[in-house]
């Protein structure tokens, strides 16, 4: 059973064609489906951002100036109480 080189070449090309074309089509289809899903997700996120910008949001805490607390001191409460204790102990010393 002697095949000519042309027949061998034709069978080899057919085998390559049979392997490459479906693989390429599958890869391309998967990439396009992924792009469609990402586009849909982007549209959803844009709509979510737009709706959150249109919804008025109330602040959870009242605004204070930077570094001060409600007592008016810029020190944390435990530090201000310690500093007042130190000044009282200095006054009681003879």
N, C-alpha and C. Protein backbone atom coordinates (compact mmCIF):
# COMPACT_ATOMS: atom_id res chain seq x y z
N UNK A 1 0.81 -1.15 0.00
CA UNK A 1 0.00 0.00 0.00
C UNK A 1 0.87 1.23 0.00
N UNK A 2 1.17 1.65 -1.12
CA UNK A 2 2.07 2.78 -1.29
C UNK A 2 1.25 4.03 -1.60
N UNK A 3 1.35 5.04 -0.69
CA UNK A 3 0.63 6.29 -0.94
C UNK A 3 1.61 7.29 -1.53
N UNK A 4 1.13 8.11 -2.37
CA UNK A 4 1.98 9.14 -2.95
C UNK A 4 2.18 10.25 -1.93
N UNK A 5 3.18 11.03 -2.15
CA UNK A 5 3.47 12.13 -1.23
C UNK A 5 2.35 13.16 -1.27
N UNK A 6 1.66 13.30 -2.36
CA UNK A 6 0.56 14.25 -2.46
C UNK A 6 -0.62 13.81 -1.58
N UNK A 7 -0.88 12.52 -1.55
CA UNK A 7 -1.96 12.00 -0.72
C UNK A 7 -1.60 12.17 0.75
N UNK A 8 -0.35 11.90 1.11
CA UNK A 8 0.13 12.06 2.48
C UNK A 8 0.03 13.52 2.90
N UNK A 9 0.44 14.41 2.02
CA UNK A 9 0.38 15.84 2.30
C UNK A 9 -1.07 16.29 2.47
N UNK A 10 -1.96 15.83 1.64
CA UNK A 10 -3.37 16.20 1.71
C UNK A 10 -3.99 15.70 3.02
N UNK A 11 -3.66 14.48 3.44
CA UNK A 11 -4.19 13.95 4.70
C UNK A 11 -3.63 14.71 5.90
N UNK A 12 -2.35 15.08 5.84
CA UNK A 12 -1.75 15.86 6.93
C UNK A 12 -2.40 17.24 7.04
N UNK A 13 -2.64 17.88 5.90
CA UNK A 13 -3.30 19.20 5.91
C UNK A 13 -4.73 19.09 6.43
N UNK A 14 -5.42 18.04 6.04
CA UNK A 14 -6.79 17.84 6.51
C UNK A 14 -6.81 17.62 8.03
N UNK A 15 -5.85 16.87 8.55
CA UNK A 15 -5.79 16.62 9.99
C UNK A 15 -5.50 17.93 10.75
N UNK A 16 -4.57 18.72 10.24
CA UNK A 16 -4.27 20.01 10.87
C UNK A 16 -5.48 20.94 10.82
N UNK A 17 -6.11 20.97 9.67
CA UNK A 17 -7.29 21.81 9.50
C UNK A 17 -8.40 21.38 10.46
N UNK A 18 -8.56 20.07 10.63
CA UNK A 18 -9.60 19.55 11.51
C UNK A 18 -9.31 19.87 12.98
N UNK A 19 -8.05 20.03 13.33
CA UNK A 19 -7.70 20.34 14.72
C UNK A 19 -7.67 21.84 14.98
N UNK A 20 -7.16 22.61 14.03
CA UNK A 20 -6.96 24.04 14.25
C UNK A 20 -8.26 24.83 14.17
N UNK A 21 -9.09 24.55 13.19
CA UNK A 21 -10.30 25.35 12.98
C UNK A 21 -11.26 25.24 14.17
N UNK A 22 -11.63 24.06 14.64
CA UNK A 22 -12.55 24.02 15.80
C UNK A 22 -11.94 24.63 17.06
N UNK A 23 -10.64 24.43 17.27
CA UNK A 23 -9.99 25.03 18.44
C UNK A 23 -10.01 26.54 18.37
N UNK A 24 -9.73 27.09 17.21
CA UNK A 24 -9.74 28.53 17.04
C UNK A 24 -11.15 29.09 17.21
N UNK A 25 -12.12 28.41 16.65
CA UNK A 25 -13.50 28.85 16.79
C UNK A 25 -13.97 28.80 18.25
N UNK A 26 -13.59 27.74 18.95
CA UNK A 26 -13.95 27.63 20.37
C UNK A 26 -13.31 28.73 21.20
N UNK A 27 -12.03 29.00 20.94
CA UNK A 27 -11.32 30.06 21.66
C UNK A 27 -11.96 31.42 21.37
N UNK A 28 -12.25 31.68 20.12
CA UNK A 28 -12.84 32.96 19.74
C UNK A 28 -14.22 33.12 20.36
N UNK A 29 -15.02 32.07 20.34
CA UNK A 29 -16.35 32.12 20.93
C UNK A 29 -16.28 32.40 22.43
N UNK A 30 -15.35 31.75 23.12
CA UNK A 30 -15.19 31.96 24.56
C UNK A 30 -14.77 33.39 24.85
N UNK A 31 -13.87 33.93 24.04
CA UNK A 31 -13.43 35.31 24.24
C UNK A 31 -14.58 36.30 24.02
N UNK A 32 -15.39 36.06 23.00
CA UNK A 32 -16.52 36.95 22.73
C UNK A 32 -17.57 36.88 23.83
N UNK A 33 -17.83 35.68 24.35
CA UNK A 33 -18.79 35.54 25.45
C UNK A 33 -18.28 36.26 26.69
N UNK A 34 -16.98 36.16 26.96
CA UNK A 34 -16.40 36.85 28.10
C UNK A 34 -16.52 38.36 27.93
N UNK A 35 -16.26 38.85 26.73
CA UNK A 35 -16.40 40.28 26.47
C UNK A 35 -17.83 40.74 26.66
N UNK A 36 -18.80 39.94 26.24
CA UNK A 36 -20.21 40.28 26.43
C UNK A 36 -20.57 40.33 27.91
N UNK A 37 -20.08 39.36 28.69
CA UNK A 37 -20.36 39.36 30.13
C UNK A 37 -19.72 40.58 30.80
N UNK A 38 -18.49 40.91 30.41
CA UNK A 38 -17.83 42.07 31.00
C UNK A 38 -18.55 43.37 30.64
N UNK A 39 -19.05 43.46 29.41
CA UNK A 39 -19.79 44.64 29.00
C UNK A 39 -21.08 44.76 29.81
N UNK A 40 -21.77 43.65 30.03
CA UNK A 40 -23.00 43.68 30.83
C UNK A 40 -22.70 44.07 32.27
N UNK A 41 -21.61 43.58 32.82
CA UNK A 41 -21.21 43.94 34.19
C UNK A 41 -20.87 45.42 34.27
N UNK A 42 -20.21 45.95 33.26
CA UNK A 42 -19.86 47.36 33.23
C UNK A 42 -21.12 48.23 33.18
N UNK A 43 -22.09 47.84 32.39
CA UNK A 43 -23.35 48.57 32.32
C UNK A 43 -24.05 48.54 33.68
N UNK A 44 -24.04 47.38 34.34
CA UNK A 44 -24.67 47.25 35.65
C UNK A 44 -23.98 48.14 36.68
N UNK A 45 -22.65 48.15 36.66
CA UNK A 45 -21.91 48.97 37.63
C UNK A 45 -22.12 50.46 37.37
N UNK A 46 -22.16 50.85 36.11
CA UNK A 46 -22.42 52.25 35.79
C UNK A 46 -23.80 52.68 36.28
N UNK A 47 -24.80 51.82 36.08
CA UNK A 47 -26.15 52.13 36.56
C UNK A 47 -26.18 52.22 38.08
N UNK A 48 -25.44 51.34 38.76
CA UNK A 48 -25.38 51.37 40.22
C UNK A 48 -24.73 52.66 40.72
N UNK A 49 -23.65 53.08 40.06
CA UNK A 49 -22.98 54.33 40.44
C UNK A 49 -23.90 55.51 40.20
N UNK A 50 -24.57 55.52 39.07
CA UNK A 50 -25.48 56.62 38.75
C UNK A 50 -26.63 56.70 39.76
N UNK A 51 -27.18 55.56 40.13
CA UNK A 51 -28.27 55.58 41.10
C UNK A 51 -27.79 56.00 42.48
N UNK A 52 -26.57 55.63 42.85
CA UNK A 52 -26.05 56.05 44.16
C UNK A 52 -25.73 57.54 44.18
N UNK A 53 -25.37 58.11 43.03
CA UNK A 53 -25.13 59.56 42.97
C UNK A 53 -26.43 60.33 43.05
N UNK A 54 -27.50 59.78 42.54
CA UNK A 54 -28.79 60.46 42.53
C UNK A 54 -29.50 60.34 43.87
N UNK A 55 -29.20 59.33 44.66
CA UNK A 55 -29.83 59.12 45.95
C UNK A 55 -29.14 60.01 46.98
N UNK A 56 -29.89 60.89 47.65
CA UNK A 56 -29.24 61.72 48.68
C UNK A 56 -28.83 60.85 49.86
N UNK A 57 -27.63 61.07 50.33
CA UNK A 57 -27.12 60.27 51.44
C UNK A 57 -26.94 61.18 52.64
N UNK A 58 -27.43 60.73 53.78
CA UNK A 58 -27.30 61.48 55.03
C UNK A 58 -26.00 61.09 55.71
N UNK A 59 -25.25 62.04 56.24
CA UNK A 59 -24.02 61.68 56.97
C UNK A 59 -24.37 60.92 58.24
N UNK A 60 -23.54 59.97 58.58
CA UNK A 60 -23.80 59.15 59.75
C UNK A 60 -23.39 59.85 61.04
N UNK A 61 -22.39 60.72 60.99
CA UNK A 61 -21.93 61.44 62.17
C UNK A 61 -21.89 62.93 61.86
N UNK A 62 -22.11 63.76 62.85
CA UNK A 62 -22.02 65.20 62.58
C UNK A 62 -20.58 65.59 62.26
N UNK A 63 -20.44 66.59 61.45
CA UNK A 63 -19.12 67.05 61.05
C UNK A 63 -18.48 67.82 62.19
N UNK A 64 -17.19 67.60 62.42
CA UNK A 64 -16.43 68.36 63.39
C UNK A 64 -15.20 68.88 62.70
N UNK A 65 -14.62 69.92 63.26
CA UNK A 65 -13.39 70.43 62.65
C UNK A 65 -12.27 69.44 62.88
N UNK A 66 -11.29 69.48 62.05
CA UNK A 66 -10.21 68.48 62.07
C UNK A 66 -9.44 68.55 63.38
N UNK A 67 -9.31 67.43 64.03
CA UNK A 67 -8.49 67.31 65.22
C UNK A 67 -9.19 67.67 66.51
N UNK A 68 -10.41 68.17 66.50
CA UNK A 68 -11.08 68.50 67.75
C UNK A 68 -12.21 67.52 67.99
N UNK A 69 -12.51 67.33 69.24
CA UNK A 69 -13.61 66.44 69.61
C UNK A 69 -14.79 67.30 70.04
N UNK A 70 -15.86 66.68 70.47
CA UNK A 70 -17.06 67.43 70.89
C UNK A 70 -16.81 68.24 72.15
N UNK A 71 -15.80 67.89 72.95
CA UNK A 71 -15.51 68.65 74.16
C UNK A 71 -14.69 69.90 73.84
N UNK A 72 -14.21 70.05 72.61
CA UNK A 72 -13.47 71.24 72.22
C UNK A 72 -11.97 71.07 72.37
N UNK A 73 -11.52 69.99 72.92
CA UNK A 73 -10.10 69.75 73.10
C UNK A 73 -9.56 68.97 71.93
N UNK A 74 -8.32 69.25 71.56
CA UNK A 74 -7.73 68.50 70.46
C UNK A 74 -7.07 67.22 70.95
N UNK A 75 -7.02 67.01 72.26
CA UNK A 75 -6.45 65.79 72.81
C UNK A 75 -7.53 64.74 72.96
N UNK A 76 -7.18 63.48 72.81
CA UNK A 76 -8.16 62.43 73.11
C UNK A 76 -8.57 62.51 74.57
N UNK A 77 -9.74 61.99 74.92
CA UNK A 77 -10.30 62.15 76.26
C UNK A 77 -9.39 61.58 77.34
N UNK A 78 -8.73 60.46 77.09
CA UNK A 78 -7.88 59.89 78.13
C UNK A 78 -6.64 60.74 78.35
N UNK A 79 -6.14 61.42 77.31
CA UNK A 79 -4.97 62.27 77.49
C UNK A 79 -5.33 63.57 78.19
N UNK A 80 -6.50 64.13 77.88
CA UNK A 80 -6.89 65.38 78.53
C UNK A 80 -7.14 65.16 80.02
N UNK A 81 -7.71 64.01 80.41
CA UNK A 81 -7.94 63.74 81.82
C UNK A 81 -6.62 63.50 82.53
N UNK A 82 -5.66 62.89 81.85
CA UNK A 82 -4.35 62.68 82.47
C UNK A 82 -3.64 64.00 82.66
N UNK A 83 -3.74 64.91 81.69
CA UNK A 83 -3.05 66.19 81.82
C UNK A 83 -3.68 67.03 82.94
N UNK A 84 -5.01 66.94 83.13
CA UNK A 84 -5.64 67.69 84.22
C UNK A 84 -5.25 67.09 85.56
N UNK A 85 -5.09 65.76 85.63
CA UNK A 85 -4.65 65.12 86.87
C UNK A 85 -3.23 65.55 87.21
N UNK A 86 -2.36 65.67 86.21
CA UNK A 86 -0.99 66.09 86.44
C UNK A 86 -0.95 67.53 86.93
N UNK A 87 -1.75 68.40 86.37
CA UNK A 87 -1.72 69.81 86.80
C UNK A 87 -2.26 69.94 88.23
N UNK A 88 -3.25 69.12 88.62
CA UNK A 88 -3.77 69.15 89.98
C UNK A 88 -2.72 68.64 90.97
N UNK A 89 -1.96 67.60 90.58
CA UNK A 89 -0.96 67.09 91.49
C UNK A 89 0.21 68.06 91.64
N UNK A 90 0.48 68.85 90.62
CA UNK A 90 1.55 69.86 90.72
C UNK A 90 1.15 70.97 91.65
N UNK A 91 -0.13 71.33 91.70
CA UNK A 91 -0.58 72.40 92.57
C UNK A 91 -0.58 72.00 94.03
N UNK A 92 -0.79 70.72 94.32
CA UNK A 92 -0.83 70.28 95.70
C UNK A 92 0.56 70.07 96.29
N UNK A 93 1.58 70.11 95.47
CA UNK A 93 2.94 69.92 95.96
C UNK A 93 3.43 71.23 96.59
N UNK A 94 4.01 71.20 97.88
CA UNK A 94 4.47 72.44 98.55
C UNK A 94 5.72 72.99 97.96
